[in-house]
């Protein structure tokens, strides 16, 4: 389109003699470039802000409500999810993410991690799960704002 605008402006200048066609063509080209970049900027912003579609977010909330019900899980915190760049590489799991799980005292951390990963994978998510025992507070997130049945209003 930009090349066509240049050709048309050159023809108009040649036949009509008014040199103002060139700046008009330049403005048209600038507008075309701007409009064609909007979808790319929007897509990049959504990716950087880790946004997910509204229906997927609803499914995530439903799935996460079941994490606290798993045996050995006291609560969870820092859930972060995003859509896979190319779903064919995610092997049927287009939602990727990470989360921190706080395990009850006396539970096997590896068992809690595997149980949580299996549960989330069964709901179409590929999630990296970090597990810590309740009360140890070694994680960088500190476990503050952990979600549990006793604290359902923690931030998502």
Protein backbone atom coordinates (compact mmCIF):
# COMPACT_ATOMS: atom_id res chain seq x y z
CA UNK A 1 0.00 0.00 0.00
CA UNK A 2 2.86 2.36 0.76
CA UNK A 3 4.42 1.80 -2.65
CA UNK A 4 1.08 2.38 -4.32
CA UNK A 5 0.67 5.67 -2.42
CA UNK A 6 4.11 6.82 -3.61
CA UNK A 7 3.34 5.91 -7.24
CA UNK A 8 -0.04 7.66 -7.14
CA UNK A 9 1.44 10.79 -5.52
CA UNK A 10 4.21 10.90 -8.14
CA UNK A 11 1.69 10.60 -10.98
CA UNK A 12 -0.52 13.31 -9.44
CA UNK A 13 2.45 15.66 -8.97
CA UNK A 14 3.53 15.07 -12.56
CA UNK A 15 0.08 15.73 -14.10
CA UNK A 16 -1.40 18.27 -11.68
CA UNK A 17 1.81 20.05 -10.70
CA UNK A 18 0.91 20.42 -7.01
CA UNK A 19 3.78 19.14 -4.76
CA UNK A 20 1.47 18.70 -1.76
CA UNK A 21 0.57 15.17 -2.88
CA UNK A 22 3.88 13.86 -1.58
CA UNK A 23 3.32 14.90 2.09
CA UNK A 24 -0.25 13.58 1.88
CA UNK A 25 1.07 10.23 0.66
CA UNK A 26 3.64 10.23 3.47
CA UNK A 27 0.88 10.85 6.03
CA UNK A 28 -1.18 8.04 4.53
CA UNK A 29 1.79 5.67 4.73
CA UNK A 30 2.42 6.67 8.37
CA UNK A 31 -1.22 5.98 9.24
CA UNK A 32 -1.07 2.58 7.53
CA UNK A 33 2.08 1.66 9.44
CA UNK A 34 0.52 2.78 12.73
CA UNK A 35 -2.70 0.84 12.14
CA UNK A 36 -0.84 -2.31 11.13
CA UNK A 37 1.30 -2.16 14.30
CA UNK A 38 -1.65 -1.98 16.72
CA UNK A 39 -2.40 -5.73 16.74
CA UNK A 40 1.27 -6.51 17.37
CA UNK A 41 1.52 -4.02 20.25
CA UNK A 42 -1.73 -5.35 21.74
CA UNK A 43 -0.53 -8.95 21.50
CA UNK A 44 2.84 -8.12 23.08
CA UNK A 45 1.21 -6.18 25.92
CA UNK A 46 -1.13 -9.08 26.69
CA UNK A 47 1.81 -11.49 26.70
CA UNK A 48 3.93 -9.29 28.97
CA UNK A 49 1.06 -8.72 31.39
CA UNK A 50 0.39 -12.48 31.52
CA UNK A 51 -3.26 -12.09 30.59
CA UNK A 52 -5.46 -15.03 29.79
CA UNK A 53 -8.86 -15.03 28.08
CA UNK A 54 -11.84 -14.52 30.41
CA UNK A 55 -13.21 -18.06 29.95
CA UNK A 56 -9.77 -19.53 30.65
CA UNK A 57 -9.43 -17.39 33.77
CA UNK A 58 -12.77 -18.72 35.03
CA UNK A 59 -11.57 -22.30 34.45
CA UNK A 60 -8.29 -21.49 36.23
CA UNK A 61 -10.15 -20.20 39.28
CA UNK A 62 -12.34 -23.32 39.33
CA UNK A 63 -9.30 -25.58 39.05
CA UNK A 64 -7.32 -23.71 41.70
CA UNK A 65 -10.20 -24.03 44.14
CA UNK A 66 -9.54 -27.78 44.11
CA UNK A 67 -5.80 -27.51 44.82
CA UNK A 68 -6.36 -26.84 48.54
CA UNK A 69 -8.50 -29.99 48.73
CA UNK A 70 -5.60 -32.23 47.68
CA UNK A 71 -4.14 -34.46 50.37
CA UNK A 72 -1.09 -32.85 51.94
CA UNK A 73 -1.79 -29.31 50.65
CA UNK A 74 -2.34 -26.66 53.33
CA UNK A 75 -2.59 -23.73 50.90
CA UNK A 76 -1.03 -22.19 47.83
CA UNK A 77 0.27 -18.79 46.80
CA UNK A 78 1.81 -16.92 43.87
CA UNK A 79 -0.19 -18.59 41.08
CA UNK A 80 0.93 -17.16 37.73
CA UNK A 81 -0.48 -18.43 34.44
CA UNK A 82 -0.12 -17.50 30.79
CA UNK A 83 -1.06 -18.92 27.44
CA UNK A 84 1.48 -20.96 25.48
CA UNK A 85 3.02 -19.18 22.49
CA UNK A 86 2.37 -22.14 20.24
CA UNK A 87 -0.21 -24.62 21.54
CA UNK A 88 1.23 -27.45 19.41
CA UNK A 89 4.44 -27.26 21.49
CA UNK A 90 2.48 -27.45 24.75
CA UNK A 91 1.13 -30.89 23.74
CA UNK A 92 -2.49 -30.17 24.51
CA UNK A 93 -1.75 -27.97 27.51
CA UNK A 94 -1.99 -24.39 26.25
CA UNK A 95 -1.97 -22.90 29.77
CA UNK A 96 1.48 -22.65 31.32
CA UNK A 97 2.29 -21.41 34.78
CA UNK A 98 3.97 -21.64 38.14
CA UNK A 99 2.73 -21.69 41.69
CA UNK A 100 3.90 -22.18 45.24
CA UNK A 101 2.26 -24.89 47.36
CA UNK A 102 2.54 -25.01 51.13
CA UNK A 103 2.38 -28.62 52.33
CA UNK A 104 1.02 -29.72 55.68
CA UNK A 105 3.47 -30.76 58.37
CA UNK A 106 4.57 -34.37 58.07
CA UNK A 107 3.60 -34.77 54.41
CA UNK A 108 6.02 -35.94 51.74
CA UNK A 109 7.00 -32.88 49.65
CA UNK A 110 7.66 -34.89 46.48
CA UNK A 111 4.29 -36.62 46.80
CA UNK A 112 2.51 -33.27 47.25
CA UNK A 113 4.36 -31.81 44.24
CA UNK A 114 3.51 -34.79 42.03
CA UNK A 115 -0.11 -34.91 43.21
CA UNK A 116 -0.53 -31.18 42.49
CA UNK A 117 1.14 -31.42 39.06
CA UNK A 118 -1.00 -34.42 38.12
CA UNK A 119 -4.17 -32.62 39.22
CA UNK A 120 -3.29 -29.47 37.24
CA UNK A 121 -2.14 -31.46 34.20
CA UNK A 122 -5.49 -33.25 34.23
CA UNK A 123 -7.12 -29.83 33.83
CA UNK A 124 -4.97 -28.86 30.81
CA UNK A 125 -2.19 -26.96 32.55
CA UNK A 126 1.57 -27.39 32.50
CA UNK A 127 2.64 -25.87 35.81
CA UNK A 128 5.94 -25.70 37.68
CA UNK A 129 5.10 -26.37 41.32
CA UNK A 130 7.35 -25.31 44.18
CA UNK A 131 6.55 -26.99 47.48
CA UNK A 132 7.48 -25.90 50.99
CA UNK A 133 6.50 -27.29 54.35
CA UNK A 134 4.05 -25.28 56.42
CA UNK A 135 5.83 -22.92 58.82
CA UNK A 136 9.28 -23.05 57.18
CA UNK A 137 8.92 -19.75 55.24
CA UNK A 138 12.09 -20.22 53.15
CA UNK A 139 10.51 -19.12 49.90
CA UNK A 140 11.07 -15.66 48.42
CA UNK A 141 7.30 -15.18 48.41
CA UNK A 142 7.19 -15.79 52.16
CA UNK A 143 3.90 -17.61 51.86
CA UNK A 144 2.09 -14.34 52.57
CA UNK A 145 -1.31 -14.21 50.99
CA UNK A 146 -1.52 -17.97 50.77
CA UNK A 147 -4.94 -19.24 49.78
CA UNK A 148 -6.69 -21.77 51.84
CA UNK A 149 -10.25 -22.42 52.96
CA UNK A 150 -9.53 -20.11 55.92
CA UNK A 151 -8.16 -17.34 53.64
CA UNK A 152 -10.20 -17.41 50.41
CA UNK A 153 -9.79 -13.69 49.69
CA UNK A 154 -6.05 -13.76 49.04
CA UNK A 155 -5.12 -12.03 45.78
CA UNK A 156 -5.06 -14.02 42.53
